[in-house]
Amino acid sequence: MSSSCEQQTISSDLVEFDALFPRLVNIVTNVSDHDKAAEAALGWFKKVCIYNVPKINRSSGLTVASVYEQLVPDASQEDVEVARVLGWCVEMLRAFFFMIDDVLDNSEEREGKACWYKMNGMMAINDSVFLETSVYQLLKIYTSKKAYYVPLLELFLKTTRTTVIGQCMDMLAQGPDQDLDFSRFNMNNYSAVARWKSMACLPVDTAMILAGFTDEDHLSKVRTVLLEIGLFVQIESLYNRCHQDEAEAVSKVKRLYRDLSLEELFQQFKQESLDKVILMINSLETKIPKSVLVGVVNAVYKTNVISY
């Protein structure tokens, strides 16, 4: 497939994915399903969804349908739409954690917008929980009559639990009195936190379960690769963040990065990470097509690995 065709496909997928979101928001904020007295609250939650869920980069949600269609090339439009719904469930769960994370980190902005809690105070905690509960409402509506309903429930619940544990590990690294303990800041500890907090496995796991790959042996083998990719995503995210803020303080940090040749070190780490992931994919023994993982690698590392 040519580059232009790939871009057209991605653009088309994004349009169809985004077009589904307003319908899902209407479902989870439907007044007719509740007492009329809750109308104001549900109207408020509609604003919560619209402001917090759709991100600039919706690759996690898009990945669900993309991987599912690779696993099931002859999937019906109805099943592809379910995959897109599950993609939005992934985005909602991510938004839930982002809102909580912003409060814990006392963040000012996310993706160029004011954090929700900065505008609405601690009410944001309750608002974030609404997003989490909306995930399970949508799962019930769209998948409760399917054989994969329980595996999907278990997957989302397990992901929530591991992410919460990872967040706690992250916070405890600061010490009980919130005083920074630099002895805890090493690559082993960081890697452990990143792997626990990473939701890198969720989109692909969701697609695999939807496609009928519910065997834990297959899922766990693929997760080893996805967790390694997730670690790279976490480090790339931190590294690139210093290039997005032009504040004077950050400019000093950027000069320090240049003086210490950290950019070269990052590129070296990127190549080493890519080589490791490709080796892991090549040695993987699973019924799941390796081309699926190669597609994820190409998207994350912005490369074009075509042999495996």
C-alpha atoms as a PDB file:
ATOM      1  CA  MET A   1       0.000   0.000   0.000  1.00  0.00           C
ATOM      2  CA  SER A   2       1.429   3.381  -0.961  1.00  0.00           C
ATOM      3  CA  SER A   3       2.015   6.116   1.584  1.00  0.00           C
ATOM      4  CA  SER A   4      -0.802   8.253   0.149  1.00  0.00           C
ATOM      5  CA  CYS A   5      -3.223   5.313   0.311  1.00  0.00           C
ATOM      6  CA  GLU A   6      -2.198   4.625   3.895  1.00  0.00           C
ATOM      7  CA  GLN A   7      -2.822   8.259   4.812  1.00  0.00           C
ATOM      8  CA  GLN A   8      -6.257   8.170   3.166  1.00  0.00           C
ATOM      9  CA  THR A   9      -7.119   4.993   5.073  1.00  0.00           C
ATOM     10  CA  ILE A  10      -5.993   6.490   8.382  1.00  0.00           C
ATOM     11  CA  SER A  11      -7.956   9.677   7.671  1.00  0.00           C
ATOM     12  CA  SER A  12     -11.085   7.705   6.788  1.00  0.00           C
ATOM     13  CA  ASP A  13     -10.777   5.555   9.910  1.00  0.00           C
ATOM     14  CA  LEU A  14     -10.394   8.664  12.067  1.00  0.00           C
ATOM     15  CA  VAL A  15     -13.485  10.296  10.538  1.00  0.00           C
ATOM     16  CA  GLU A  16     -15.602   7.202  11.190  1.00  0.00           C
ATOM     17  CA  PHE A  17     -14.163   6.814  14.686  1.00  0.00           C
ATOM     18  CA  ASP A  18     -14.851  10.438  15.621  1.00  0.00           C
ATOM     19  CA  ALA A  19     -18.353  10.333  14.145  1.00  0.00           C
ATOM     20  CA  LEU A  20     -19.305   7.644  16.662  1.00  0.00           C
ATOM     21  CA  PHE A  21     -18.352   9.646  19.751  1.00  0.00           C
ATOM     22  CA  PRO A  22     -21.390  11.990  19.989  1.00  0.00           C
ATOM     23  CA  ARG A  23     -23.726   8.987  19.875  1.00  0.00           C
ATOM     24  CA  LEU A  24     -21.852   7.301  22.740  1.00  0.00           C
ATOM     25  CA  VAL A  25     -21.940  10.506  24.790  1.00  0.00           C
ATOM     26  CA  ASN A  26     -25.700  10.682  24.289  1.00  0.00           C
ATOM     27  CA  ILE A  27     -26.047   7.069  25.432  1.00  0.00           C
ATOM     28  CA  VAL A  28     -24.149   7.515  28.705  1.00  0.00           C
ATOM     29  CA  THR A  29     -25.913  10.826  29.486  1.00  0.00           C
ATOM     30  CA  ASN A  30     -29.424   9.809  28.404  1.00  0.00           C
ATOM     31  CA  VAL A  31     -31.916  11.456  30.742  1.00  0.00           C
ATOM     32  CA  SER A  32     -34.699   8.996  29.858  1.00  0.00           C
ATOM     33  CA  ASP A  33     -32.709   6.236  31.540  1.00  0.00           C
ATOM     34  CA  HIS A  34     -32.660   8.106  34.845  1.00  0.00           C
ATOM     35  CA  ASP A  35     -34.874  10.089  37.173  1.00  0.00           C
ATOM     36  CA  LYS A  36     -35.654  13.535  35.726  1.00  0.00           C
ATOM     37  CA  ALA A  37     -34.066  15.035  38.823  1.00  0.00           C
ATOM     38  CA  ALA A  38     -30.685  13.908  37.464  1.00  0.00           C
ATOM     39  CA  GLU A  39     -31.090  15.939  34.261  1.00  0.00           C
ATOM     40  CA  ALA A  40     -28.747  18.732  35.378  1.00  0.00           C
ATOM     41  CA  ALA A  41     -26.058  16.276  36.479  1.00  0.00           C
ATOM     42  CA  LEU A  42     -26.235  14.365  33.197  1.00  0.00           C
ATOM     43  CA  GLY A  43     -26.026  17.614  31.255  1.00  0.00           C
ATOM     44  CA  TRP A  44     -22.902  18.414  33.243  1.00  0.00           C
ATOM     45  CA  PHE A  45     -21.418  14.987  32.528  1.00  0.00           C
ATOM     46  CA  LYS A  46     -21.950  15.537  28.812  1.00  0.00           C
ATOM     47  CA  LYS A  47     -19.598  18.530  29.098  1.00  0.00           C
ATOM     48  CA  VAL A  48     -17.163  16.335  31.043  1.00  0.00           C
ATOM     49  CA  CYS A  49     -17.086  13.796  28.206  1.00  0.00           C
ATOM     50  CA  ILE A  50     -16.711  16.316  25.409  1.00  0.00           C
ATOM     51  CA  TYR A  51     -13.924  18.261  27.139  1.00  0.00           C
ATOM     52  CA  ASN A  52     -11.859  15.386  28.495  1.00  0.00           C
ATOM     53  CA  VAL A  53     -12.204  12.293  26.300  1.00  0.00           C
ATOM     54  CA  PRO A  54     -11.261  13.168  22.685  1.00  0.00           C
ATOM     55  CA  LYS A  55      -7.496  13.763  22.666  1.00  0.00           C
ATOM     56  CA  ILE A  56      -5.328  15.167  19.896  1.00  0.00           C
ATOM     57  CA  ASN A  57      -3.761  11.736  19.579  1.00  0.00           C
ATOM     58  CA  ARG A  58      -6.501   9.107  19.577  1.00  0.00           C
ATOM     59  CA  SER A  59      -4.181   6.315  18.461  1.00  0.00           C
ATOM     60  CA  SER A  60      -5.070   4.039  21.382  1.00  0.00           C
ATOM     61  CA  GLY A  61      -8.738   4.019  20.456  1.00  0.00           C
ATOM     62  CA  LEU A  62      -8.042   3.743  16.739  1.00  0.00           C
ATOM     63  CA  THR A  63      -5.716   0.804  17.340  1.00  0.00           C
ATOM     64  CA  VAL A  64      -8.580  -1.386  18.570  1.00  0.00           C
ATOM     65  CA  ALA A  65     -10.466  -1.347  15.260  1.00  0.00           C
ATOM     66  CA  SER A  66      -7.268  -1.364  13.200  1.00  0.00           C
ATOM     67  CA  VAL A  67      -5.892  -4.489  14.879  1.00  0.00           C
ATOM     68  CA  TYR A  68      -9.307  -6.167  14.924  1.00  0.00           C
ATOM     69  CA  GLU A  69      -9.703  -5.720  11.164  1.00  0.00           C
ATOM     70  CA  GLN A  70      -6.241  -7.235  10.641  1.00  0.00           C
ATOM     71  CA  LEU A  71      -7.203 -10.227  12.758  1.00  0.00           C
ATOM     72  CA  VAL A  72     -10.647 -10.577  11.154  1.00  0.00           C
ATOM     73  CA  PRO A  73     -10.353  -9.298   7.546  1.00  0.00           C
ATOM     74  CA  ASP A  74     -13.911 -10.347   6.696  1.00  0.00           C
ATOM     75  CA  ALA A  75     -15.495  -8.739   9.757  1.00  0.00           C
ATOM     76  CA  SER A  76     -18.987  -7.307   9.333  1.00  0.00           C
ATOM     77  CA  GLN A  77     -19.600  -3.578   9.609  1.00  0.00           C
ATOM     78  CA  GLU A  78     -21.525  -4.255  12.811  1.00  0.00           C
ATOM     79  CA  ASP A  79     -18.513  -5.974  14.385  1.00  0.00           C
ATOM     80  CA  VAL A  80     -16.159  -3.211  13.210  1.00  0.00           C
ATOM     81  CA  GLU A  81     -18.455  -0.671  14.852  1.00  0.00           C
ATOM     82  CA  VAL A  82     -18.278  -2.637  18.110  1.00  0.00           C
ATOM     83  CA  ALA A  83     -14.485  -2.475  17.805  1.00  0.00           C
ATOM     84  CA  ARG A  84     -14.731   1.311  17.440  1.00  0.00           C
ATOM     85  CA  VAL A  85     -16.994   1.498  20.484  1.00  0.00           C
ATOM     86  CA  LEU A  86     -14.409  -0.454  22.446  1.00  0.00           C
ATOM     87  CA  GLY A  87     -11.798   1.975  21.124  1.00  0.00           C
ATOM     88  CA  TRP A  88     -13.744   4.807  22.725  1.00  0.00           C
ATOM     89  CA  CYS A  89     -13.989   2.742  25.924  1.00  0.00           C
ATOM     90  CA  VAL A  90     -10.190   2.652  25.927  1.00  0.00           C
ATOM     91  CA  GLU A  91     -10.076   6.432  25.406  1.00  0.00           C
ATOM     92  CA  MET A  92     -12.592   6.977  28.229  1.00  0.00           C
ATOM     93  CA  LEU A  93     -10.554   4.880  30.642  1.00  0.00           C
ATOM     94  CA  ARG A  94      -7.419   6.796  29.663  1.00  0.00           C
ATOM     95  CA  ALA A  95      -9.252  10.105  30.206  1.00  0.00           C
ATOM     96  CA  PHE A  96     -10.363   8.903  33.651  1.00  0.00           C
ATOM     97  CA  PHE A  97      -6.741   8.276  34.632  1.00  0.00           C
ATOM     98  CA  PHE A  98      -5.499  11.493  33.038  1.00  0.00           C
ATOM     99  CA  MET A  99      -7.989  13.531  35.091  1.00  0.00           C
ATOM    100  CA  ILE A 100      -6.884  11.830  38.320  1.00  0.00           C
ATOM    101  CA  ASP A 101      -3.217  12.099  37.374  1.00  0.00           C
ATOM    102  CA  ASP A 102      -3.550  15.833  36.732  1.00  0.00           C
ATOM    103  CA  VAL A 103      -4.914  16.338  40.255  1.00  0.00           C
ATOM    104  CA  LEU A 104      -2.186  14.220  41.859  1.00  0.00           C
ATOM    105  CA  ASP A 105       0.557  15.993  39.904  1.00  0.00           C
ATOM    106  CA  ASN A 106      -0.993  19.449  40.321  1.00  0.00           C
ATOM    107  CA  SER A 107      -0.730  19.880  36.545  1.00  0.00           C
ATOM    108  CA  GLU A 108      -1.811  23.086  34.840  1.00  0.00           C
ATOM    109  CA  GLU A 109      -2.500  21.909  31.282  1.00  0.00           C
ATOM    110  CA  ARG A 110      -3.028  18.796  29.219  1.00  0.00           C
ATOM    111  CA  GLU A 111      -2.620  19.021  25.455  1.00  0.00           C
ATOM    112  CA  GLY A 112      -2.715  22.796  25.542  1.00  0.00           C
ATOM    113  CA  LYS A 113      -5.966  23.017  27.511  1.00  0.00           C
ATOM    114  CA  ALA A 114      -6.490  23.813  31.162  1.00  0.00           C
ATOM    115  CA  CYS A 115      -6.830  20.686  33.273  1.00  0.00           C
ATOM    116  CA  TRP A 116     -10.451  20.031  34.191  1.00  0.00           C
ATOM    117  CA  TYR A 117      -9.824  20.307  37.935  1.00  0.00           C
ATOM    118  CA  LYS A 118      -8.205  23.721  37.450  1.00  0.00           C
ATOM    119  CA  MET A 119     -11.550  24.998  36.192  1.00  0.00           C
ATOM    120  CA  ASN A 120     -13.881  22.938  38.403  1.00  0.00           C
ATOM    121  CA  GLY A 121     -11.954  22.115  41.546  1.00  0.00           C
ATOM    122  CA  MET A 122     -12.189  18.747  43.277  1.00  0.00           C
ATOM    123  CA  MET A 123     -15.507  18.107  41.572  1.00  0.00           C
ATOM    124  CA  ALA A 124     -13.223  16.712  38.873  1.00  0.00           C
ATOM    125  CA  ILE A 125     -12.686  13.589  41.001  1.00  0.00           C
ATOM    126  CA  ASN A 126     -16.374  12.715  40.792  1.00  0.00           C
ATOM    127  CA  ASP A 127     -16.433  13.669  37.105  1.00  0.00           C
ATOM    128  CA  SER A 128     -13.561  11.296  36.359  1.00  0.00           C
ATOM    129  CA  VAL A 129     -15.367   8.416  38.053  1.00  0.00           C
ATOM    130  CA  PHE A 130     -18.340   9.066  35.783  1.00  0.00           C
ATOM    131  CA  LEU A 131     -16.072   8.388  32.805  1.00  0.00           C
ATOM    132  CA  GLU A 132     -14.916   5.135  34.370  1.00  0.00           C
ATOM    133  CA  THR A 133     -18.482   3.956  34.970  1.00  0.00           C
ATOM    134  CA  SER A 134     -19.424   4.944  31.412  1.00  0.00           C
ATOM    135  CA  VAL A 135     -16.899   2.399  30.123  1.00  0.00           C
ATOM    136  CA  TYR A 136     -18.804  -0.424  31.774  1.00  0.00           C
ATOM    137  CA  GLN A 137     -22.174   0.930  30.693  1.00  0.00           C
ATOM    138  CA  LEU A 138     -21.027   0.846  27.064  1.00  0.00           C
ATOM    139  CA  LEU A 139     -19.472  -2.601  27.447  1.00  0.00           C
ATOM    140  CA  LYS A 140     -22.800  -3.926  28.732  1.00  0.00           C
ATOM    141  CA  ILE A 141     -24.856  -2.300  25.994  1.00  0.00           C
ATOM    142  CA  TYR A 142     -22.661  -3.398  23.099  1.00  0.00           C
ATOM    143  CA  THR A 143     -21.157  -6.715  24.243  1.00  0.00           C
ATOM    144  CA  SER A 144     -23.190  -8.271  27.096  1.00  0.00           C
ATOM    145  CA  LYS A 145     -24.753 -10.882  24.788  1.00  0.00           C
ATOM    146  CA  LYS A 146     -21.387 -11.924  23.349  1.00  0.00           C
ATOM    147  CA  ALA A 147     -19.093 -14.702  24.571  1.00  0.00           C
ATOM    148  CA  TYR A 148     -16.253 -12.206  24.985  1.00  0.00           C
ATOM    149  CA  TYR A 149     -18.184  -9.959  27.404  1.00  0.00           C
ATOM    150  CA  VAL A 150     -16.683 -11.406  30.610  1.00  0.00           C
ATOM    151  CA  PRO A 151     -13.096 -11.515  29.231  1.00  0.00           C
ATOM    152  CA  LEU A 152     -13.465  -7.861  28.219  1.00  0.00           C
ATOM    153  CA  LEU A 153     -14.771  -6.919  31.669  1.00  0.00           C
ATOM    154  CA  GLU A 154     -11.870  -8.717  33.301  1.00  0.00           C
ATOM    155  CA  LEU A 155      -9.402  -7.026  30.963  1.00  0.00           C
ATOM    156  CA  PHE A 156     -10.622  -3.487  31.712  1.00  0.00           C
ATOM    157  CA  LEU A 157     -10.819  -4.183  35.455  1.00  0.00           C
ATOM    158  CA  LYS A 158      -7.324  -5.700  35.494  1.00  0.00           C
ATOM    159  CA  THR A 159      -5.934  -2.754  33.523  1.00  0.00           C
ATOM    160  CA  THR A 160      -7.505  -0.337  35.995  1.00  0.00           C
ATOM    161  CA  ARG A 161      -6.046  -2.221  38.942  1.00  0.00           C
ATOM    162  CA  THR A 162      -2.507  -2.408  37.525  1.00  0.00           C
ATOM    163  CA  THR A 163      -2.576   1.268  36.531  1.00  0.00           C
ATOM    164  CA  VAL A 164      -3.691   2.263  40.038  1.00  0.00           C
ATOM    165  CA  ILE A 165      -0.855   0.222  41.528  1.00  0.00           C
ATOM    166  CA  GLY A 166       1.606   1.841  39.110  1.00  0.00           C
ATOM    167  CA  GLN A 167       0.347   5.305  40.064  1.00  0.00           C
ATOM    168  CA  CYS A 168       0.857   4.472  43.740  1.00  0.00           C
ATOM    169  CA  MET A 169       4.399   3.252  43.011  1.00  0.00           C
ATOM    170  CA  ASP A 170       5.035   6.543  41.234  1.00  0.00           C
ATOM    171  CA  MET A 171       3.750   8.627  44.131  1.00  0.00           C
ATOM    172  CA  LEU A 172       5.626   6.613  46.769  1.00  0.00           C
ATOM    173  CA  ALA A 173       8.868   7.298  44.887  1.00  0.00           C
ATOM    174  CA  GLN A 174       8.562  10.822  46.265  1.00  0.00           C
ATOM    175  CA  GLY A 175       8.632   9.495  49.825  1.00  0.00           C
ATOM    176  CA  PRO A 176       5.867   9.525  52.459  1.00  0.00           C
ATOM    177  CA  ASP A 177       6.372  13.222  53.177  1.00  0.00           C
ATOM    178  CA  GLN A 178       6.415  14.131  49.472  1.00  0.00           C
ATOM    179  CA  ASP A 179      10.131  14.934  49.804  1.00  0.00           C
ATOM    180  CA  LEU A 180      12.078  13.795  46.752  1.00  0.00           C
ATOM    181  CA  ASP A 181      14.322  10.832  47.474  1.00  0.00           C
ATOM    182  CA  PHE A 182      16.753  10.818  44.553  1.00  0.00           C
ATOM    183  CA  SER A 183      18.137   7.423  45.566  1.00  0.00           C
ATOM    184  CA  ARG A 184      14.871   5.937  44.300  1.00  0.00           C
ATOM    185  CA  PHE A 185      15.276   7.496  40.853  1.00  0.00           C
ATOM    186  CA  ASN A 186      16.994   4.807  38.817  1.00  0.00           C
ATOM    187  CA  MET A 187      16.190   2.982  35.602  1.00  0.00           C
ATOM    188  CA  ASN A 188      15.039  -0.216  37.318  1.00  0.00           C
ATOM    189  CA  ASN A 189      12.504   1.600  39.472  1.00  0.00           C
ATOM    190  CA  TYR A 190      11.399   3.799  36.588  1.00  0.00           C
ATOM    191  CA  SER A 191      10.931   0.798  34.291  1.00  0.00           C
ATOM    192  CA  ALA A 192       8.845  -0.970  36.924  1.00  0.00           C
ATOM    193  CA  VAL A 193       6.581   2.047  37.394  1.00  0.00           C
ATOM    194  CA  ALA A 194       6.275   2.636  33.642  1.00  0.00           C
ATOM    195  CA  ARG A 195       5.276  -0.966  33.001  1.00  0.00           C
ATOM    196  CA  TRP A 196       2.654  -0.957  35.754  1.00  0.00           C
ATOM    197  CA  LYS A 197       1.235   2.410  34.710  1.00  0.00           C
ATOM    198  CA  SER A 198       1.373   1.714  30.991  1.00  0.00           C
ATOM    199  CA  MET A 199      -1.933   0.990  29.251  1.00  0.00           C
ATOM    200  CA  ALA A 200      -0.059  -0.018  26.093  1.00  0.00           C
ATOM    201  CA  CYS A 201      -1.503  -3.541  26.168  1.00  0.00           C
ATOM    202  CA  LEU A 202      -5.159  -2.524  26.462  1.00  0.00           C
ATOM    203  CA  PRO A 203      -5.971  -1.606  22.812  1.00  0.00           C
ATOM    204  CA  VAL A 204      -4.375  -4.720  21.304  1.00  0.00           C
ATOM    205  CA  ASP A 205      -5.663  -7.006  24.071  1.00  0.00           C
ATOM    206  CA  THR A 206      -9.161  -5.638  23.465  1.00  0.00           C
ATOM    207  CA  ALA A 207      -8.936  -6.305  19.736  1.00  0.00           C
ATOM    208  CA  MET A 208      -7.575  -9.816  20.273  1.00  0.00           C
ATOM    209  CA  ILE A 209     -10.359 -10.753  22.688  1.00  0.00           C
ATOM    210  CA  LEU A 210     -12.945  -9.323  20.304  1.00  0.00           C
ATOM    211  CA  ALA A 211     -11.409 -11.453  17.528  1.00  0.00           C
ATOM    212  CA  GLY A 212     -11.669 -14.595  19.644  1.00  0.00           C
ATOM    213  CA  PHE A 213      -8.111 -14.816  20.972  1.00  0.00           C
ATOM    214  CA  THR A 214      -9.052 -15.303  24.623  1.00  0.00           C
ATOM    215  CA  ASP A 215      -6.385 -17.890  25.471  1.00  0.00           C
ATOM    216  CA  GLU A 216      -4.242 -16.377  28.228  1.00  0.00           C
ATOM    217  CA  ASP A 217      -1.099 -18.019  26.845  1.00  0.00           C
ATOM    218  CA  HIS A 218      -1.413 -16.101  23.556  1.00  0.00           C
ATOM    219  CA  LEU A 219      -2.334 -12.871  25.300  1.00  0.00           C
ATOM    220  CA  SER A 220       0.576 -13.026  27.766  1.00  0.00           C
ATOM    221  CA  LYS A 221       3.120 -13.654  25.003  1.00  0.00           C
ATOM    222  CA  VAL A 222       1.938 -10.647  23.051  1.00  0.00           C
ATOM    223  CA  ARG A 223       1.865  -8.522  26.216  1.00  0.00           C
ATOM    224  CA  THR A 224       5.600  -9.017  26.760  1.00  0.00           C
ATOM    225  CA  VAL A 225       6.203  -7.220  23.469  1.00  0.00           C
ATOM    226  CA  LEU A 226       3.576  -4.542  24.115  1.00  0.00           C
ATOM    227  CA  LEU A 227       4.967  -3.758  27.575  1.00  0.00           C
ATOM    228  CA  GLU A 228       8.407  -3.234  26.065  1.00  0.00           C
ATOM    229  CA  ILE A 229       6.862  -0.881  23.498  1.00  0.00           C
ATOM    230  CA  GLY A 230       4.942   0.832  26.310  1.00  0.00           C
ATOM    231  CA  LEU A 231       8.165   1.518  28.187  1.00  0.00           C
ATOM    232  CA  PHE A 232       9.573   3.259  25.120  1.00  0.00           C
ATOM    233  CA  VAL A 233       6.372   5.305  24.712  1.00  0.00           C
ATOM    234  CA  GLN A 234       6.628   6.508  28.320  1.00  0.00           C
ATOM    235  CA  ILE A 235      10.285   7.611  27.833  1.00  0.00           C
ATOM    236  CA  GLU A 236       9.599   9.194  24.403  1.00  0.00           C
ATOM    237  CA  SER A 237       6.701  11.106  25.973  1.00  0.00           C
ATOM    238  CA  LEU A 238       8.901  12.506  28.762  1.00  0.00           C
ATOM    239  CA  TYR A 239      11.731  13.333  26.382  1.00  0.00           C
ATOM    240  CA  ASN A 240       9.538  15.156  23.868  1.00  0.00           C
ATOM    241  CA  ARG A 241       7.696  17.100  26.525  1.00  0.00           C
ATOM    242  CA  CYS A 242      10.702  19.365  27.023  1.00  0.00           C
ATOM    243  CA  HIS A 243      10.416  20.439  23.370  1.00  0.00           C
ATOM    244  CA  GLN A 244       6.794  21.547  23.635  1.00  0.00           C
ATOM    245  CA  ASP A 245       6.980  24.190  26.351  1.00  0.00           C
ATOM    246  CA  GLU A 246       8.879  27.359  25.504  1.00  0.00           C
ATOM    247  CA  ALA A 247       8.962  28.732  29.046  1.00  0.00           C
ATOM    248  CA  GLU A 248      12.319  30.147  30.116  1.00  0.00           C
ATOM    249  CA  ALA A 249      12.882  27.496  32.782  1.00  0.00           C
ATOM    250  CA  VAL A 250      12.329  24.704  30.294  1.00  0.00           C
ATOM    251  CA  SER A 251      14.673  26.397  27.820  1.00  0.00           C
ATOM    252  CA  LYS A 252      17.432  26.040  30.413  1.00  0.00           C
ATOM    253  CA  VAL A 253      16.675  22.340  30.723  1.00  0.00           C
ATOM    254  CA  LYS A 254      16.802  22.000  26.931  1.00  0.00           C
ATOM    255  CA  ARG A 255      20.246  23.633  26.907  1.00  0.00           C
ATOM    256  CA  LEU A 256      21.341  21.158  29.561  1.00  0.00           C
ATOM    257  CA  TYR A 257      20.028  18.310  27.386  1.00  0.00           C
ATOM    258  CA  ARG A 258      22.161  19.566  24.506  1.00  0.00           C
ATOM    259  CA  ASP A 259      25.247  20.080  26.680  1.00  0.00           C
ATOM    260  CA  LEU A 260      24.981  16.527  28.031  1.00  0.00           C
ATOM    261  CA  SER A 261      24.286  15.077  24.572  1.00  0.00           C
ATOM    262  CA  LEU A 262      21.040  13.572  25.834  1.00  0.00           C
ATOM    263  CA  GLU A 263      19.481  13.829  22.400  1.00  0.00           C
ATOM    264  CA  GLU A 264      22.088  11.451  21.014  1.00  0.00           C
ATOM    265  CA  LEU A 265      21.586   9.143  23.990  1.00  0.00           C
ATOM    266  CA  PHE A 266      17.855   9.111  23.382  1.00  0.00           C
ATOM    267  CA  GLN A 267      18.299   8.196  19.722  1.00  0.00           C
ATOM    268  CA  GLN A 268      20.633   5.404  20.792  1.00  0.00           C
ATOM    269  CA  PHE A 269      18.055   4.168  23.303  1.00  0.00           C
ATOM    270  CA  LYS A 270      15.350   4.318  20.641  1.00  0.00           C
ATOM    271  CA  GLN A 271      17.359   2.121  18.262  1.00  0.00           C
ATOM    272  CA  GLU A 272      18.237  -0.347  21.021  1.00  0.00           C
ATOM    273  CA  SER A 273      14.590  -0.534  22.065  1.00  0.00           C
ATOM    274  CA  LEU A 274      13.470  -1.064  18.469  1.00  0.00           C
ATOM    275  CA  ASP A 275      16.043  -3.810  17.921  1.00  0.00           C
ATOM    276  CA  LYS A 276      14.942  -5.552  21.124  1.00  0.00           C
ATOM    277  CA  VAL A 277      11.261  -5.398  20.191  1.00  0.00           C
ATOM    278  CA  ILE A 278      11.885  -6.749  16.676  1.00  0.00           C
ATOM    279  CA  LEU A 279      13.908  -9.613  18.153  1.00  0.00           C
ATOM    280  CA  MET A 280      11.062 -10.372  20.563  1.00  0.00           C
ATOM    281  CA  ILE A 281       8.537 -10.403  17.714  1.00  0.00           C
ATOM    282  CA  ASN A 282      10.709 -12.665  15.567  1.00  0.00           C
ATOM    283  CA  SER A 283      11.008 -15.204  18.392  1.00  0.00           C
ATOM    284  CA  LEU A 284       7.330 -15.058  19.342  1.00  0.00           C
ATOM    285  CA  GLU A 285       5.417 -18.334  19.068  1.00  0.00           C
ATOM    286  CA  THR A 286       1.725 -17.524  18.851  1.00  0.00           C
ATOM    287  CA  LYS A 287      -1.237 -17.901  16.523  1.00  0.00           C
ATOM    288  CA  ILE A 288      -1.605 -14.131  16.437  1.00  0.00           C
ATOM    289  CA  PRO A 289      -0.115 -12.749  13.180  1.00  0.00           C
ATOM    290  CA  LYS A 290       3.206 -11.019  13.779  1.00  0.00           C
ATOM    291  CA  SER A 291       2.181  -8.416  11.208  1.00  0.00           C
ATOM    292  CA  VAL A 292      -0.184  -6.989  13.837  1.00  0.00           C
ATOM    293  CA  LEU A 293       2.688  -6.243  16.195  1.00  0.00           C
ATOM    294  CA  VAL A 294       4.860  -4.968  13.358  1.00  0.00           C
ATOM    295  CA  GLY A 295       2.109  -2.460  12.549  1.00  0.00           C
ATOM    296  CA  VAL A 296       2.151  -1.223  16.151  1.00  0.00           C
ATOM    297  CA  VAL A 297       5.953  -0.947  16.044  1.00  0.00           C
ATOM    298  CA  ASN A 298       5.877   1.085  12.832  1.00  0.00           C
ATOM    299  CA  ALA A 299       3.323   3.478  14.327  1.00  0.00           C
ATOM    300  CA  VAL A 300       5.096   3.937  17.664  1.00  0.00           C
ATOM    301  CA  TYR A 301       8.706   4.117  16.487  1.00  0.00           C
ATOM    302  CA  LYS A 302       7.770   5.986  13.295  1.00  0.00           C
ATOM    303  CA  THR A 303       9.682   3.505  11.199  1.00  0.00           C
ATOM    304  CA  ASN A 304       8.900   1.045   8.432  1.00  0.00           C
ATOM    305  CA  VAL A 305       9.810  -2.457   9.564  1.00  0.00           C
ATOM    306  CA  ILE A 306       8.477  -4.778   6.874  1.00  0.00           C
ATOM    307  CA  SER A 307      10.361  -8.043   7.491  1.00  0.00           C
ATOM    308  CA  TYR A 308       9.717 -10.355  10.400  1.00  0.00           C
END
